[in-house]
PDB file of N, CA and C in Angstrom:
ATOM      1  N   MET A   1       0.856  -1.183   0.000  1.00  0.00           N
ATOM      2  CA  MET A   1       0.000   0.000   0.000  1.00  0.00           C
ATOM      3  C   MET A   1       0.893   1.234   0.000  1.00  0.00           C
ATOM      4  N   SER A   2       0.613   2.132  -0.903  1.00  0.00           N
ATOM      5  CA  SER A   2       1.395   3.365  -0.973  1.00  0.00           C
ATOM      6  C   SER A   2       0.462   4.557  -0.792  1.00  0.00           C
ATOM      7  N   VAL A   3       0.826   5.415   0.144  1.00  0.00           N
ATOM      8  CA  VAL A   3       0.021   6.603   0.399  1.00  0.00           C
ATOM      9  C   VAL A   3       0.878   7.831   0.166  1.00  0.00           C
ATOM     10  N   THR A   4       0.228   8.930  -0.145  1.00  0.00           N
ATOM     11  CA  THR A   4       0.954  10.183  -0.323  1.00  0.00           C
ATOM     12  C   THR A   4       1.276  10.771   1.050  1.00  0.00           C
ATOM     13  N   PRO A   5       2.257  11.660   1.103  1.00  0.00           N
ATOM     14  CA  PRO A   5       2.541  12.332   2.373  1.00  0.00           C
ATOM     15  C   PRO A   5       1.316  13.064   2.937  1.00  0.00           C
ATOM     16  N   LEU A   6       0.513  13.657   2.069  1.00  0.00           N
ATOM     17  CA  LEU A   6      -0.683  14.362   2.536  1.00  0.00           C
ATOM     18  C   LEU A   6      -1.676  13.388   3.159  1.00  0.00           C
ATOM     19  N   GLU A   7      -1.874  12.232   2.545  1.00  0.00           N
ATOM     20  CA  GLU A   7      -2.782  11.234   3.114  1.00  0.00           C
ATOM     21  C   GLU A   7      -2.290  10.767   4.484  1.00  0.00           C
ATOM     22  N   LEU A   8      -0.993  10.518   4.607  1.00  0.00           N
ATOM     23  CA  LEU A   8      -0.427  10.105   5.885  1.00  0.00           C
ATOM     24  C   LEU A   8      -0.627  11.192   6.934  1.00  0.00           C
ATOM     25  N   ALA A   9      -0.375  12.433   6.550  1.00  0.00           N
ATOM     26  CA  ALA A   9      -0.546  13.557   7.478  1.00  0.00           C
ATOM     27  C   ALA A   9      -1.993  13.674   7.950  1.00  0.00           C
ATOM     28  N   LYS A  10      -2.933  13.452   7.057  1.00  0.00           N
ATOM     29  CA  LYS A  10      -4.348  13.543   7.434  1.00  0.00           C
ATOM     30  C   LYS A  10      -4.767  12.397   8.354  1.00  0.00           C
ATOM     31  N   VAL A  11      -4.232  11.209   8.141  1.00  0.00           N
ATOM     32  CA  VAL A  11      -4.513  10.089   9.047  1.00  0.00           C
ATOM     33  C   VAL A  11      -3.960  10.420  10.435  1.00  0.00           C
ATOM     34  N   ALA A  12      -2.743  10.950  10.479  1.00  0.00           N
ATOM     35  CA  ALA A  12      -2.133  11.333  11.754  1.00  0.00           C
ATOM     36  C   ALA A  12      -2.934  12.440  12.436  1.00  0.00           C
ATOM     37  N   ALA A  13      -3.405  13.401  11.654  1.00  0.00           N
ATOM     38  CA  ALA A  13      -4.205  14.502  12.212  1.00  0.00           C
ATOM     39  C   ALA A  13      -5.513  13.980  12.800  1.00  0.00           C
ATOM     40  N   THR A  14      -6.149  13.059  12.112  1.00  0.00           N
ATOM     41  CA  THR A  14      -7.389  12.475  12.606  1.00  0.00           C
ATOM     42  C   THR A  14      -7.142  11.727  13.911  1.00  0.00           C
ATOM     43  N   ALA A  15      -6.054  10.976  13.973  1.00  0.00           N
ATOM     44  CA  ALA A  15      -5.716  10.232  15.197  1.00  0.00           C
ATOM     45  C   ALA A  15      -5.453  11.195  16.355  1.00  0.00           C
ATOM     46  N   ALA A  16      -4.711  12.258  16.104  1.00  0.00           N
ATOM     47  CA  ALA A  16      -4.432  13.247  17.154  1.00  0.00           C
ATOM     48  C   ALA A  16      -5.719  13.922  17.604  1.00  0.00           C
ATOM     49  N   ASN A  17      -6.565  14.260  16.656  1.00  0.00           N
ATOM     50  CA  ASN A  17      -7.836  14.921  16.974  1.00  0.00           C
ATOM     51  C   ASN A  17      -8.728  14.029  17.840  1.00  0.00           C
ATOM     52  N   GLU A  18      -8.699  12.726  17.593  1.00  0.00           N
ATOM     53  CA  GLU A  18      -9.492  11.796  18.398  1.00  0.00           C
ATOM     54  C   GLU A  18      -9.052  11.795  19.856  1.00  0.00           C
ATOM     55  N   LYS A  19      -7.807  12.179  20.108  1.00  0.00           N
ATOM     56  CA  LYS A  19      -7.280  12.247  21.480  1.00  0.00           C
ATOM     57  C   LYS A  19      -7.485  13.628  22.102  1.00  0.00           C
ATOM     58  N   LYS A  20      -8.208  14.487  21.415  1.00  0.00           N
ATOM     59  CA  LYS A  20      -8.582  15.807  21.946  1.00  0.00           C
ATOM     60  C   LYS A  20      -7.389  16.752  22.141  1.00  0.00           C
ATOM     61  N   VAL A  21      -6.466  16.759  21.153  1.00  0.00           N
ATOM     62  CA  VAL A  21      -5.391  17.746  21.192  1.00  0.00           C
ATOM     63  C   VAL A  21      -5.976  19.122  20.876  1.00  0.00           C
ATOM     64  N   GLU A  22      -5.187  20.152  21.107  1.00  0.00           N
ATOM     65  CA  GLU A  22      -5.611  21.523  20.818  1.00  0.00           C
ATOM     66  C   GLU A  22      -4.729  22.111  19.727  1.00  0.00           C
ATOM     67  N   ASP A  23      -5.251  23.137  19.076  1.00  0.00           N
ATOM     68  CA  ASP A  23      -4.483  23.903  18.072  1.00  0.00           C
ATOM     69  C   ASP A  23      -3.804  23.011  17.040  1.00  0.00           C
ATOM     70  N   LEU A  24      -4.560  22.114  16.463  1.00  0.00           N
ATOM     71  CA  LEU A  24      -4.042  21.184  15.458  1.00  0.00           C
ATOM     72  C   LEU A  24      -3.886  21.917  14.129  1.00  0.00           C
ATOM     73  N   VAL A  25      -2.659  21.904  13.595  1.00  0.00           N
ATOM     74  CA  VAL A  25      -2.352  22.624  12.362  1.00  0.00           C
ATOM     75  C   VAL A  25      -1.535  21.717  11.449  1.00  0.00           C
ATOM     76  N   LEU A  26      -1.892  21.686  10.170  1.00  0.00           N
ATOM     77  CA  LEU A  26      -1.107  20.978   9.159  1.00  0.00           C
ATOM     78  C   LEU A  26      -0.574  22.026   8.194  1.00  0.00           C
ATOM     79  N   ILE A  27       0.744  22.105   8.100  1.00  0.00           N
ATOM     80  CA  ILE A  27       1.394  23.126   7.280  1.00  0.00           C
ATOM     81  C   ILE A  27       2.102  22.455   6.108  1.00  0.00           C
ATOM     82  N   ASP A  28       1.839  22.946   4.911  1.00  0.00           N
ATOM     83  CA  ASP A  28       2.488  22.445   3.694  1.00  0.00           C
ATOM     84  C   ASP A  28       3.786  23.227   3.495  1.00  0.00           C
ATOM     85  N   VAL A  29       4.910  22.599   3.806  1.00  0.00           N
ATOM     86  CA  VAL A  29       6.213  23.260   3.671  1.00  0.00           C
ATOM     87  C   VAL A  29       6.980  22.752   2.451  1.00  0.00           C
ATOM     88  N   SER A  30       6.287  22.034   1.568  1.00  0.00           N
ATOM     89  CA  SER A  30       6.955  21.436   0.412  1.00  0.00           C
ATOM     90  C   SER A  30       7.612  22.473  -0.492  1.00  0.00           C
ATOM     91  N   GLY A  31       7.058  23.679  -0.525  1.00  0.00           N
ATOM     92  CA  GLY A  31       7.637  24.714  -1.374  1.00  0.00           C
ATOM     93  C   GLY A  31       8.768  25.494  -0.724  1.00  0.00           C
ATOM     94  N   SER A  32       9.009  25.261   0.566  1.00  0.00           N
ATOM     95  CA  SER A  32      10.017  26.068   1.256  1.00  0.00           C
ATOM     96  C   SER A  32      10.976  25.258   2.133  1.00  0.00           C
ATOM     97  N   SER A  33      10.876  23.936   2.092  1.00  0.00           N
ATOM     98  CA  SER A  33      11.739  23.107   2.944  1.00  0.00           C
ATOM     99  C   SER A  33      12.264  21.914   2.159  1.00  0.00           C
ATOM    100  N   ASP A  34      13.534  21.610   2.384  1.00  0.00           N
ATOM    101  CA  ASP A  34      14.113  20.394   1.820  1.00  0.00           C
ATOM    102  C   ASP A  34      14.016  19.235   2.799  1.00  0.00           C
ATOM    103  N   ILE A  35      13.554  19.518   4.011  1.00  0.00           N
ATOM    104  CA  ILE A  35      13.507  18.518   5.074  1.00  0.00           C
ATOM    105  C   ILE A  35      12.305  17.593   4.916  1.00  0.00           C
ATOM    106  N   CYS A  36      11.138  18.175   4.673  1.00  0.00           N
ATOM    107  CA  CYS A  36       9.909  17.391   4.580  1.00  0.00           C
ATOM    108  C   CYS A  36       8.877  18.163   3.769  1.00  0.00           C
ATOM    109  N   ASP A  37       7.717  17.542   3.568  1.00  0.00           N
ATOM    110  CA  ASP A  37       6.627  18.191   2.839  1.00  0.00           C
ATOM    111  C   ASP A  37       5.581  18.798   3.771  1.00  0.00           C
ATOM    112  N   TYR A  38       5.371  18.162   4.931  1.00  0.00           N
ATOM    113  CA  TYR A  38       4.316  18.623   5.844  1.00  0.00           C
ATOM    114  C   TYR A  38       4.796  18.605   7.287  1.00  0.00           C
ATOM    115  N   PHE A  39       4.370  19.619   8.024  1.00  0.00           N
ATOM    116  CA  PHE A  39       4.504  19.665   9.473  1.00  0.00           C
ATOM    117  C   PHE A  39       3.106  19.549  10.057  1.00  0.00           C
ATOM    118  N   LEU A  40       2.898  18.579  10.915  1.00  0.00           N
ATOM    119  CA  LEU A  40       1.672  18.492  11.698  1.00  0.00           C
ATOM    120  C   LEU A  40       2.049  18.928  13.104  1.00  0.00           C
ATOM    121  N   ILE A  41       1.369  19.932  13.610  1.00  0.00           N
ATOM    122  CA  ILE A  41       1.686  20.492  14.922  1.00  0.00           C
ATOM    123  C   ILE A  41       0.417  20.493  15.766  1.00  0.00           C
ATOM    124  N   CYS A  42       0.562  20.047  17.023  1.00  0.00           N
ATOM    125  CA  CYS A  42      -0.579  20.079  17.933  1.00  0.00           C
ATOM    126  C   CYS A  42      -0.089  20.230  19.374  1.00  0.00           C
ATOM    127  N   THR A  43      -1.028  20.543  20.247  1.00  0.00           N
ATOM    128  CA  THR A  43      -0.727  20.740  21.659  1.00  0.00           C
ATOM    129  C   THR A  43      -1.505  19.727  22.488  1.00  0.00           C
ATOM    130  N   ALA A  44      -0.770  19.040  23.366  1.00  0.00           N
ATOM    131  CA  ALA A  44      -1.385  18.127  24.325  1.00  0.00           C
ATOM    132  C   ALA A  44      -1.395  18.822  25.682  1.00  0.00           C
ATOM    133  N   ALA A  45      -2.470  18.668  26.413  1.00  0.00           N
ATOM    134  CA  ALA A  45      -2.641  19.384  27.681  1.00  0.00           C
ATOM    135  C   ALA A  45      -1.643  18.956  28.757  1.00  0.00           C
ATOM    136  N   ASN A  46      -1.153  17.694  28.682  1.00  0.00           N
ATOM    137  CA  ASN A  46      -0.229  17.212  29.706  1.00  0.00           C
ATOM    138  C   ASN A  46       0.625  16.078  29.135  1.00  0.00           C
ATOM    139  N   ASN A  47       1.592  15.622  29.943  1.00  0.00           N
ATOM    140  CA  ASN A  47       2.540  14.583  29.503  1.00  0.00           C
ATOM    141  C   ASN A  47       1.848  13.269  29.140  1.00  0.00           C
ATOM    142  N   ARG A  48       0.875  12.873  29.966  1.00  0.00           N
ATOM    143  CA  ARG A  48       0.179  11.611  29.697  1.00  0.00           C
ATOM    144  C   ARG A  48      -0.570  11.666  28.374  1.00  0.00           C
ATOM    145  N   LEU A  49      -1.201  12.792  28.109  1.00  0.00           N
ATOM    146  CA  LEU A  49      -1.917  12.932  26.840  1.00  0.00           C
ATOM    147  C   LEU A  49      -0.938  12.937  25.670  1.00  0.00           C
ATOM    148  N   ALA A  50       0.182  13.607  25.811  1.00  0.00           N
ATOM    149  CA  ALA A  50       1.189  13.635  24.737  1.00  0.00           C
ATOM    150  C   ALA A  50       1.620  12.213  24.387  1.00  0.00           C
ATOM    151  N   ASP A  51       1.894  11.407  25.392  1.00  0.00           N
ATOM    152  CA  ASP A  51       2.298  10.021  25.188  1.00  0.00           C
ATOM    153  C   ASP A  51       1.190   9.231  24.502  1.00  0.00           C
ATOM    154  N   SER A  52      -0.033   9.446  24.916  1.00  0.00           N
ATOM    155  CA  SER A  52      -1.183   8.773  24.334  1.00  0.00           C
ATOM    156  C   SER A  52      -1.401   9.176  22.873  1.00  0.00           C
ATOM    157  N   VAL A  53      -1.196  10.437  22.575  1.00  0.00           N
ATOM    158  CA  VAL A  53      -1.342  10.937  21.200  1.00  0.00           C
ATOM    159  C   VAL A  53      -0.333  10.253  20.287  1.00  0.00           C
ATOM    160  N   ILE A  54       0.907  10.141  20.741  1.00  0.00           N
ATOM    161  CA  ILE A  54       1.947   9.495  19.937  1.00  0.00           C
ATOM    162  C   ILE A  54       1.579   8.037  19.661  1.00  0.00           C
ATOM    163  N   ASP A  55       1.113   7.338  20.691  1.00  0.00           N
ATOM    164  CA  ASP A  55       0.696   5.937  20.509  1.00  0.00           C
ATOM    165  C   ASP A  55      -0.443   5.825  19.496  1.00  0.00           C
ATOM    166  N   GLU A  56      -1.407   6.728  19.603  1.00  0.00           N
ATOM    167  CA  GLU A  56      -2.573   6.694  18.707  1.00  0.00           C
ATOM    168  C   GLU A  56      -2.161   6.975  17.263  1.00  0.00           C
ATOM    169  N   ILE A  57      -1.309   7.955  17.069  1.00  0.00           N
ATOM    170  CA  ILE A  57      -0.840   8.276  15.712  1.00  0.00           C
ATOM    171  C   ILE A  57      -0.070   7.094  15.136  1.00  0.00           C
ATOM    172  N   GLU A  58       0.839   6.538  15.925  1.00  0.00           N
ATOM    173  CA  GLU A  58       1.643   5.413  15.445  1.00  0.00           C
ATOM    174  C   GLU A  58       0.748   4.231  15.053  1.00  0.00           C
ATOM    175  N   GLU A  59      -0.258   3.947  15.877  1.00  0.00           N
ATOM    176  CA  GLU A  59      -1.166   2.840  15.586  1.00  0.00           C
ATOM    177  C   GLU A  59      -1.995   3.099  14.329  1.00  0.00           C
ATOM    178  N   LYS A  60      -2.626   4.271  14.244  1.00  0.00           N
ATOM    179  CA  LYS A  60      -3.520   4.566  13.111  1.00  0.00           C
ATOM    180  C   LYS A  60      -2.757   4.690  11.791  1.00  0.00           C
ATOM    181  N   VAL A  61      -1.586   5.303  11.818  1.00  0.00           N
ATOM    182  CA  VAL A  61      -0.789   5.411  10.588  1.00  0.00           C
ATOM    183  C   VAL A  61      -0.307   4.018  10.171  1.00  0.00           C
ATOM    184  N   GLY A  62       0.061   3.199  11.148  1.00  0.00           N
ATOM    185  CA  GLY A  62       0.471   1.832  10.828  1.00  0.00           C
ATOM    186  C   GLY A  62      -0.642   1.040  10.178  1.00  0.00           C
ATOM    187  N   ILE A  63      -1.838   1.127  10.736  1.00  0.00           N
ATOM    188  CA  ILE A  63      -2.992   0.393  10.213  1.00  0.00           C
ATOM    189  C   ILE A  63      -3.439   0.935   8.859  1.00  0.00           C
ATOM    190  N   ASN A  64      -3.601   2.254   8.751  1.00  0.00           N
ATOM    191  CA  ASN A  64      -4.192   2.852   7.549  1.00  0.00           C
ATOM    192  C   ASN A  64      -3.199   3.154   6.433  1.00  0.00           C
ATOM    193  N   CYS A  65      -1.923   3.289   6.771  1.00  0.00           N
ATOM    194  CA  CYS A  65      -0.932   3.680   5.767  1.00  0.00           C
ATOM    195  C   CYS A  65       0.210   2.679   5.630  1.00  0.00           C
ATOM    196  N   ALA A  66       0.234   1.667   6.515  1.00  0.00           N
ATOM    197  CA  ALA A  66       1.307   0.668   6.521  1.00  0.00           C
ATOM    198  C   ALA A  66       2.682   1.332   6.624  1.00  0.00           C
ATOM    199  N   GLU A  67       2.771   2.372   7.446  1.00  0.00           N
ATOM    200  CA  GLU A  67       4.033   3.094   7.641  1.00  0.00           C
ATOM    201  C   GLU A  67       4.381   3.114   9.119  1.00  0.00           C
ATOM    202  N   LYS A  68       5.674   3.046   9.402  1.00  0.00           N
ATOM    203  CA  LYS A  68       6.187   3.198  10.762  1.00  0.00           C
ATOM    204  C   LYS A  68       7.060   4.443  10.796  1.00  0.00           C
ATOM    205  N   PRO A  69       7.125   5.116  11.927  1.00  0.00           N
ATOM    206  CA  PRO A  69       7.995   6.292  11.997  1.00  0.00           C
ATOM    207  C   PRO A  69       9.458   5.895  11.858  1.00  0.00           C
ATOM    208  N   ILE A  70      10.222   6.746  11.193  1.00  0.00           N
ATOM    209  CA  ILE A  70      11.670   6.544  11.093  1.00  0.00           C
ATOM    210  C   ILE A  70      12.281   6.683  12.484  1.00  0.00           C
ATOM    211  N   SER A  71      11.785   7.671  13.221  1.00  0.00           N
ATOM    212  CA  SER A  71      12.239   7.862  14.602  1.00  0.00           C
ATOM    213  C   SER A  71      11.187   8.645  15.381  1.00  0.00           C
ATOM    214  N   ILE A  72      11.290   8.520  16.698  1.00  0.00           N
ATOM    215  CA  ILE A  72      10.471   9.317  17.614  1.00  0.00           C
ATOM    216  C   ILE A  72      11.434   9.907  18.639  1.00  0.00           C
ATOM    217  N   GLU A  73      11.482  11.223  18.694  1.00  0.00           N
ATOM    218  CA  GLU A  73      12.398  11.925  19.599  1.00  0.00           C
ATOM    219  C   GLU A  73      11.610  12.658  20.676  1.00  0.00           C
ATOM    220  N   GLY A  74      12.182  12.752  21.878  1.00  0.00           N
ATOM    221  CA  GLY A  74      11.570  13.527  22.946  1.00  0.00           C
ATOM    222  C   GLY A  74      10.574  12.773  23.790  1.00  0.00           C
ATOM    223  N   ARG A  75      10.497  11.499  23.603  1.00  0.00           N
ATOM    224  CA  ARG A  75       9.495  10.703  24.315  1.00  0.00           C
ATOM    225  C   ARG A  75       9.782  10.637  25.816  1.00  0.00           C
ATOM    226  N   GLU A  76      11.045  10.798  26.204  1.00  0.00           N
ATOM    227  CA  GLU A  76      11.398  10.739  27.619  1.00  0.00           C
ATOM    228  C   GLU A  76      10.831  11.939  28.370  1.00  0.00           C
ATOM    229  N   ASP A  77      11.044  13.130  27.840  1.00  0.00           N
ATOM    230  CA  ASP A  77      10.599  14.360  28.502  1.00  0.00           C
ATOM    231  C   ASP A  77       9.113  14.626  28.298  1.00  0.00           C
ATOM    232  N   LYS A  78       8.602  14.235  27.142  1.00  0.00           N
ATOM    233  CA  LYS A  78       7.192  14.425  26.778  1.00  0.00           C
ATOM    234  C   LYS A  78       6.753  15.889  26.808  1.00  0.00           C
ATOM    235  N   THR A  79       7.679  16.797  26.511  1.00  0.00           N
ATOM    236  CA  THR A  79       7.297  18.206  26.413  1.00  0.00           C
ATOM    237  C   THR A  79       7.231  18.646  24.953  1.00  0.00           C
ATOM    238  N   TRP A  80       8.037  17.992  24.101  1.00  0.00           N
ATOM    239  CA  TRP A  80       7.982  18.183  22.657  1.00  0.00           C
ATOM    240  C   TRP A  80       8.398  16.858  22.048  1.00  0.00           C
ATOM    241  N   ILE A  81       7.450  16.150  21.499  1.00  0.00           N
ATOM    242  CA  ILE A  81       7.732  14.858  20.889  1.00  0.00           C
ATOM    243  C   ILE A  81       7.647  15.026  19.381  1.00  0.00           C
ATOM    244  N   LEU A  82       8.679  14.556  18.697  1.00  0.00           N
ATOM    245  CA  LEU A  82       8.763  14.654  17.243  1.00  0.00           C
ATOM    246  C   LEU A  82       8.728  13.261  16.642  1.00  0.00           C
ATOM    247  N   MET A  83       7.742  13.035  15.775  1.00  0.00           N
ATOM    248  CA  MET A  83       7.660  11.785  15.026  1.00  0.00           C
ATOM    249  C   MET A  83       8.074  12.083  13.594  1.00  0.00           C
ATOM    250  N   ASP A  84       9.039  11.313  13.099  1.00  0.00           N
ATOM    251  CA  ASP A  84       9.568  11.519  11.754  1.00  0.00           C
ATOM    252  C   ASP A  84       9.076  10.406  10.843  1.00  0.00           C
ATOM    253  N   TYR A  85       8.230  10.774   9.891  1.00  0.00           N
ATOM    254  CA  TYR A  85       7.779   9.836   8.870  1.00  0.00           C
ATOM    255  C   TYR A  85       8.398  10.180   7.512  1.00  0.00           C
ATOM    256  N   GLY A  86       9.540  10.829   7.514  1.00  0.00           N
ATOM    257  CA  GLY A  86      10.195  11.211   6.270  1.00  0.00           C
ATOM    258  C   GLY A  86       9.602  12.487   5.714  1.00  0.00           C
ATOM    259  N   ALA A  87       8.602  12.360   4.871  1.00  0.00           N
ATOM    260  CA  ALA A  87       7.970  13.533   4.248  1.00  0.00           C
ATOM    261  C   ALA A  87       7.021  14.262   5.191  1.00  0.00           C
ATOM    262  N   VAL A  88       6.717  13.638   6.338  1.00  0.00           N
ATOM    263  CA  VAL A  88       5.805  14.242   7.316  1.00  0.00           C
ATOM    264  C   VAL A  88       6.487  14.241   8.684  1.00  0.00           C
ATOM    265  N   LEU A  89       6.588  15.419   9.290  1.00  0.00           N
ATOM    266  CA  LEU A  89       7.099  15.538  10.652  1.00  0.00           C
ATOM    267  C   LEU A  89       5.942  15.933  11.560  1.00  0.00           C
ATOM    268  N   ILE A  90       5.748  15.159  12.615  1.00  0.00           N
ATOM    269  CA  ILE A  90       4.645  15.393  13.542  1.00  0.00           C
ATOM    270  C   ILE A  90       5.219  15.902  14.852  1.00  0.00           C
ATOM    271  N   ASN A  91       4.736  17.054  15.295  1.00  0.00           N
ATOM    272  CA  ASN A  91       5.203  17.702  16.512  1.00  0.00           C
ATOM    273  C   ASN A  91       4.070  17.755  17.520  1.00  0.00           C
ATOM    274  N   VAL A  92       4.255  17.096  18.661  1.00  0.00           N
ATOM    275  CA  VAL A  92       3.275  17.133  19.746  1.00  0.00           C
ATOM    276  C   VAL A  92       3.921  17.886  20.905  1.00  0.00           C
ATOM    277  N   PHE A  93       3.380  19.047  21.203  1.00  0.00           N
ATOM    278  CA  PHE A  93       3.935  19.929  22.225  1.00  0.00           C
ATOM    279  C   PHE A  93       3.053  19.963  23.464  1.00  0.00           C
ATOM    280  N   LEU A  94       3.666  20.271  24.600  1.00  0.00           N
ATOM    281  CA  LEU A  94       2.921  20.764  25.749  1.00  0.00           C
ATOM    282  C   LEU A  94       2.751  22.261  25.538  1.00  0.00           C
ATOM    283  N   PRO A  95       1.762  22.895  26.153  1.00  0.00           N
ATOM    284  CA  PRO A  95       1.468  24.311  25.865  1.00  0.00           C
ATOM    285  C   PRO A  95       2.669  25.248  25.998  1.00  0.00           C
ATOM    286  N   GLU A  96       3.453  25.111  27.050  1.00  0.00           N
ATOM    287  CA  GLU A  96       4.578  26.027  27.271  1.00  0.00           C
ATOM    288  C   GLU A  96       5.622  25.921  26.155  1.00  0.00           C
ATOM    289  N   GLN A  97       5.916  24.708  25.722  1.00  0.00           N
ATOM    290  CA  GLN A  97       6.895  24.527  24.649  1.00  0.00           C
ATOM    291  C   GLN A  97       6.349  25.010  23.312  1.00  0.00           C
ATOM    292  N   ARG A  98       5.073  24.816  23.087  1.00  0.00           N
ATOM    293  CA  ARG A  98       4.475  25.300  21.838  1.00  0.00           C
ATOM    294  C   ARG A  98       4.574  26.814  21.756  1.00  0.00           C
ATOM    295  N   ASP A  99       4.279  27.496  22.881  1.00  0.00           N
ATOM    296  CA  ASP A  99       4.396  28.954  22.926  1.00  0.00           C
ATOM    297  C   ASP A  99       5.835  29.405  22.742  1.00  0.00           C
ATOM    298  N   TYR A 100       6.772  28.661  23.292  1.00  0.00           N
ATOM    299  CA  TYR A 100       8.176  29.050  23.234  1.00  0.00           C
ATOM    300  C   TYR A 100       8.747  28.882  21.825  1.00  0.00           C
ATOM    301  N   TYR A 101       8.527  27.723  21.190  1.00  0.00           N
ATOM    302  CA  TYR A 101       9.143  27.438  19.891  1.00  0.00           C
ATOM    303  C   TYR A 101       8.376  28.033  18.719  1.00  0.00           C
ATOM    304  N   ARG A 102       7.078  28.167  18.828  1.00  0.00           N
ATOM    305  CA  ARG A 102       6.247  28.811  17.805  1.00  0.00           C
ATOM    306  C   ARG A 102       6.537  28.344  16.372  1.00  0.00           C
ATOM    307  N   LEU A 103       6.568  27.049  16.183  1.00  0.00           N
ATOM    308  CA  LEU A 103       6.868  26.512  14.851  1.00  0.00           C
ATOM    309  C   LEU A 103       5.874  26.987  13.799  1.00  0.00           C
ATOM    310  N   ASP A 104       4.605  27.100  14.180  1.00  0.00           N
ATOM    311  CA  ASP A 104       3.613  27.543  13.195  1.00  0.00           C
ATOM    312  C   ASP A 104       3.872  28.981  12.775  1.00  0.00           C
ATOM    313  N   LYS A 105       4.435  29.793  13.645  1.00  0.00           N
ATOM    314  CA  LYS A 105       4.795  31.176  13.276  1.00  0.00           C
ATOM    315  C   LYS A 105       6.054  31.182  12.417  1.00  0.00           C
ATOM    316  N   LEU A 106       7.006  30.295  12.754  1.00  0.00           N
ATOM    317  CA  LEU A 106       8.254  30.205  11.995  1.00  0.00           C
ATOM    318  C   LEU A 106       7.973  29.878  10.533  1.00  0.00           C
ATOM    319  N   TRP A 107       7.001  29.024  10.299  1.00  0.00           N
ATOM    320  CA  TRP A 107       6.620  28.634   8.938  1.00  0.00           C
ATOM    321  C   TRP A 107       5.350  29.374   8.504  1.00  0.00           C
ATOM    322  N   GLY A 108       5.157  30.568   9.006  1.00  0.00           N
ATOM    323  CA  GLY A 108       3.942  31.340   8.763  1.00  0.00           C
ATOM    324  C   GLY A 108       3.656  31.652   7.309  1.00  0.00           C
ATOM    325  N   ASP A 109       4.691  31.673   6.464  1.00  0.00           N
ATOM    326  CA  ASP A 109       4.477  31.952   5.042  1.00  0.00           C
ATOM    327  C   ASP A 109       3.989  30.729   4.275  1.00  0.00           C
ATOM    328  N   ALA A 110       4.144  29.553   4.866  1.00  0.00           N
ATOM    329  CA  ALA A 110       3.711  28.323   4.208  1.00  0.00           C
ATOM    330  C   ALA A 110       2.203  28.152   4.398  1.00  0.00           C
ATOM    331  N   PRO A 111       1.532  27.602   3.385  1.00  0.00           N
ATOM    332  CA  PRO A 111       0.073  27.443   3.487  1.00  0.00           C
ATOM    333  C   PRO A 111      -0.339  26.356   4.469  1.00  0.00           C
ATOM    334  N   CYS A 112      -1.431  26.600   5.169  1.00  0.00           N
ATOM    335  CA  CYS A 112      -2.042  25.587   6.023  1.00  0.00           C
ATOM    336  C   CYS A 112      -3.009  24.749   5.197  1.00  0.00           C
ATOM    337  N   VAL A 113      -3.093  23.487   5.531  1.00  0.00           N
ATOM    338  CA  VAL A 113      -3.991  22.569   4.843  1.00  0.00           C
ATOM    339  C   VAL A 113      -5.260  22.430   5.678  1.00  0.00           C
ATOM    340  N   ALA A 114      -6.403  22.586   5.036  1.00  0.00           N
ATOM    341  CA  ALA A 114      -7.686  22.405   5.731  1.00  0.00           C
ATOM    342  C   ALA A 114      -7.839  20.931   6.093  1.00  0.00           C
ATOM    343  N   LEU A 115      -8.222  20.687   7.340  1.00  0.00           N
ATOM    344  CA  LEU A 115      -8.330  19.311   7.825  1.00  0.00           C
ATOM    345  C   LEU A 115      -9.772  18.815   7.922  1.00  0.00           C
ATOM    346  N   ASP A 116     -10.730  19.690   8.050  1.00  0.00           N
ATOM    347  CA  ASP A 116     -12.142  19.313   8.135  1.00  0.00           C
ATOM    348  C   ASP A 116     -12.389  18.219   9.179  1.00  0.00           C
ATOM    349  N   LEU A 117     -11.892  18.438  10.381  1.00  0.00           N
ATOM    350  CA  LEU A 117     -12.096  17.500  11.469  1.00  0.00           C
ATOM    351  C   LEU A 117     -13.203  18.012  12.371  1.00  0.00           C
ATOM    352  N   ASP A 118     -14.039  17.112  12.853  1.00  0.00           N
ATOM    353  CA  ASP A 118     -15.133  17.505  13.742  1.00  0.00           C
ATOM    354  C   ASP A 118     -14.792  17.200  15.168  1.00  0.00           C
TER     355      ASP A 118
END
């Protein structure tokens, strides 16, 4: 099964949304980054939720896209966890770290992708 980076990002966004994250944003950086095509950024209210979000994303992307993350960084501290799927980087922040790093502002010129999540 082969999925596009956008499809993978949307599956991950849906999984994160099911865990009740806040400020979920998908940014298309394909026109301005050599690192990846999409950044998925969200905020988890606490460490336990951040850990749960990562598990949910890993499970749903594995089931629906047959993909595993290349790496997961920051899982020990659970204040900023980065999941690397190659063309898609998923960032799960706690509120304080999200405010501090402001990745969505850093990539503010890149277009956001509508997610249509309920």
